[in-house]
Amino acid sequence: MKKIEHRPIAIVTIIAGSLGVVASGMSLVSGILLLTKRRRS
């Protein structure tokens, strides 16, 4: 039987991808908030 090694790299890449999506979403929200604040003022 071959030993199946669970590579943590896959998990790390998935976590990094999810964090990247969250970061991009937060940046978009912050940019929209800044635009609305500038328009209001």
N, C-alpha and C. Protein backbone atom coordinates (compact mmCIF):
# COMPACT_ATOMS: atom_id res chain seq x y z
N MET A 1 0.84 -1.20 0.00
CA MET A 1 0.00 0.00 0.00
C MET A 1 0.88 1.25 0.00
N LYS A 2 0.54 2.16 -0.88
CA LYS A 2 1.31 3.41 -0.92
C LYS A 2 0.76 4.37 0.13
N LYS A 3 1.68 5.03 0.82
CA LYS A 3 1.25 5.99 1.85
C LYS A 3 0.74 7.28 1.17
N ILE A 4 -0.50 7.60 1.47
CA ILE A 4 -1.08 8.82 0.89
C ILE A 4 -0.74 10.00 1.81
N GLU A 5 0.11 10.88 1.31
CA GLU A 5 0.50 12.04 2.12
C GLU A 5 -0.42 13.22 1.81
N HIS A 6 -1.11 13.68 2.84
CA HIS A 6 -1.98 14.84 2.65
C HIS A 6 -1.11 16.09 2.59
N ARG A 7 -1.06 16.69 1.42
CA ARG A 7 -0.21 17.88 1.26
C ARG A 7 -0.94 19.11 1.80
N PRO A 8 -0.35 19.78 2.78
CA PRO A 8 -0.97 20.99 3.35
C PRO A 8 -0.93 22.15 2.36
N ILE A 9 -0.14 21.99 1.28
CA ILE A 9 -0.05 23.07 0.29
C ILE A 9 -1.42 23.36 -0.31
N ALA A 10 -2.19 22.30 -0.57
CA ALA A 10 -3.52 22.49 -1.15
C ALA A 10 -4.40 23.30 -0.21
N ILE A 11 -4.35 22.94 1.07
CA ILE A 11 -5.16 23.66 2.07
C ILE A 11 -4.71 25.11 2.15
N VAL A 12 -3.39 25.32 2.14
CA VAL A 12 -2.86 26.69 2.22
C VAL A 12 -3.30 27.51 1.02
N THR A 13 -3.28 26.90 -0.16
CA THR A 13 -3.68 27.63 -1.37
C THR A 13 -5.16 27.98 -1.32
N ILE A 14 -5.98 27.06 -0.81
CA ILE A 14 -7.42 27.32 -0.70
C ILE A 14 -7.67 28.47 0.28
N ILE A 15 -6.98 28.42 1.43
CA ILE A 15 -7.14 29.49 2.43
C ILE A 15 -6.67 30.82 1.86
N ALA A 16 -5.53 30.78 1.16
CA ALA A 16 -4.99 32.02 0.57
C ALA A 16 -5.96 32.58 -0.46
N GLY A 17 -6.56 31.71 -1.25
CA GLY A 17 -7.51 32.16 -2.25
C GLY A 17 -8.74 32.80 -1.61
N SER A 18 -9.26 32.17 -0.57
CA SER A 18 -10.43 32.72 0.12
C SER A 18 -10.09 34.06 0.75
N LEU A 19 -8.88 34.15 1.35
CA LEU A 19 -8.46 35.40 1.97
C LEU A 19 -8.32 36.48 0.90
N GLY A 20 -7.82 36.10 -0.27
CA GLY A 20 -7.66 37.07 -1.36
C GLY A 20 -9.02 37.60 -1.79
N VAL A 21 -10.01 36.72 -1.89
CA VAL A 21 -11.35 37.14 -2.28
C VAL A 21 -11.93 38.09 -1.24
N VAL A 22 -11.76 37.75 0.03
CA VAL A 22 -12.27 38.60 1.11
C VAL A 22 -11.57 39.96 1.08
N ALA A 23 -10.26 39.94 0.87
CA ALA A 23 -9.49 41.20 0.84
C ALA A 23 -9.96 42.08 -0.31
N SER A 24 -10.17 41.48 -1.48
CA SER A 24 -10.62 42.25 -2.64
C SER A 24 -12.01 42.83 -2.38
N GLY A 25 -12.87 42.04 -1.75
CA GLY A 25 -14.22 42.52 -1.43
C GLY A 25 -14.17 43.68 -0.46
N MET A 26 -13.31 43.57 0.56
CA MET A 26 -13.19 44.65 1.54
C MET A 26 -12.65 45.91 0.86
N SER A 27 -11.68 45.76 -0.04
CA SER A 27 -11.11 46.92 -0.73
C SER A 27 -12.17 47.59 -1.59
N LEU A 28 -13.01 46.78 -2.25
CA LEU A 28 -14.08 47.33 -3.09
C LEU A 28 -15.07 48.10 -2.22
N VAL A 29 -15.45 47.53 -1.09
CA VAL A 29 -16.41 48.19 -0.19
C VAL A 29 -15.82 49.49 0.33
N SER A 30 -14.54 49.46 0.74
CA SER A 30 -13.90 50.67 1.27
C SER A 30 -13.83 51.74 0.18
N GLY A 31 -13.54 51.33 -1.06
CA GLY A 31 -13.47 52.29 -2.16
C GLY A 31 -14.83 52.93 -2.41
N ILE A 32 -15.89 52.12 -2.38
CA ILE A 32 -17.24 52.65 -2.60
C ILE A 32 -17.61 53.61 -1.47
N LEU A 33 -17.26 53.25 -0.23
CA LEU A 33 -17.56 54.12 0.91
C LEU A 33 -16.83 55.45 0.77
N LEU A 34 -15.57 55.40 0.33
CA LEU A 34 -14.79 56.63 0.15
C LEU A 34 -15.44 57.50 -0.93
N LEU A 35 -15.89 56.87 -2.01
CA LEU A 35 -16.52 57.63 -3.10
C LEU A 35 -17.81 58.28 -2.61
N THR A 36 -18.62 57.54 -1.86
CA THR A 36 -19.88 58.10 -1.37
C THR A 36 -19.61 59.24 -0.40
N LYS A 37 -18.59 59.09 0.46
CA LYS A 37 -18.26 60.15 1.41
C LYS A 37 -17.81 61.40 0.66
N ARG A 38 -17.02 61.22 -0.39
CA ARG A 38 -16.54 62.37 -1.17
C ARG A 38 -17.70 63.06 -1.86
N ARG A 39 -18.64 62.28 -2.39
CA ARG A 39 -19.78 62.86 -3.09
C ARG A 39 -20.68 63.61 -2.11
N ARG A 40 -20.87 63.05 -0.92
CA ARG A 40 -21.73 63.71 0.08
C ARG A 40 -21.12 65.02 0.53
N SER A 41 -19.82 65.01 0.77
CA SER A 41 -19.14 66.22 1.27
C SER A 41 -18.84 67.14 0.07
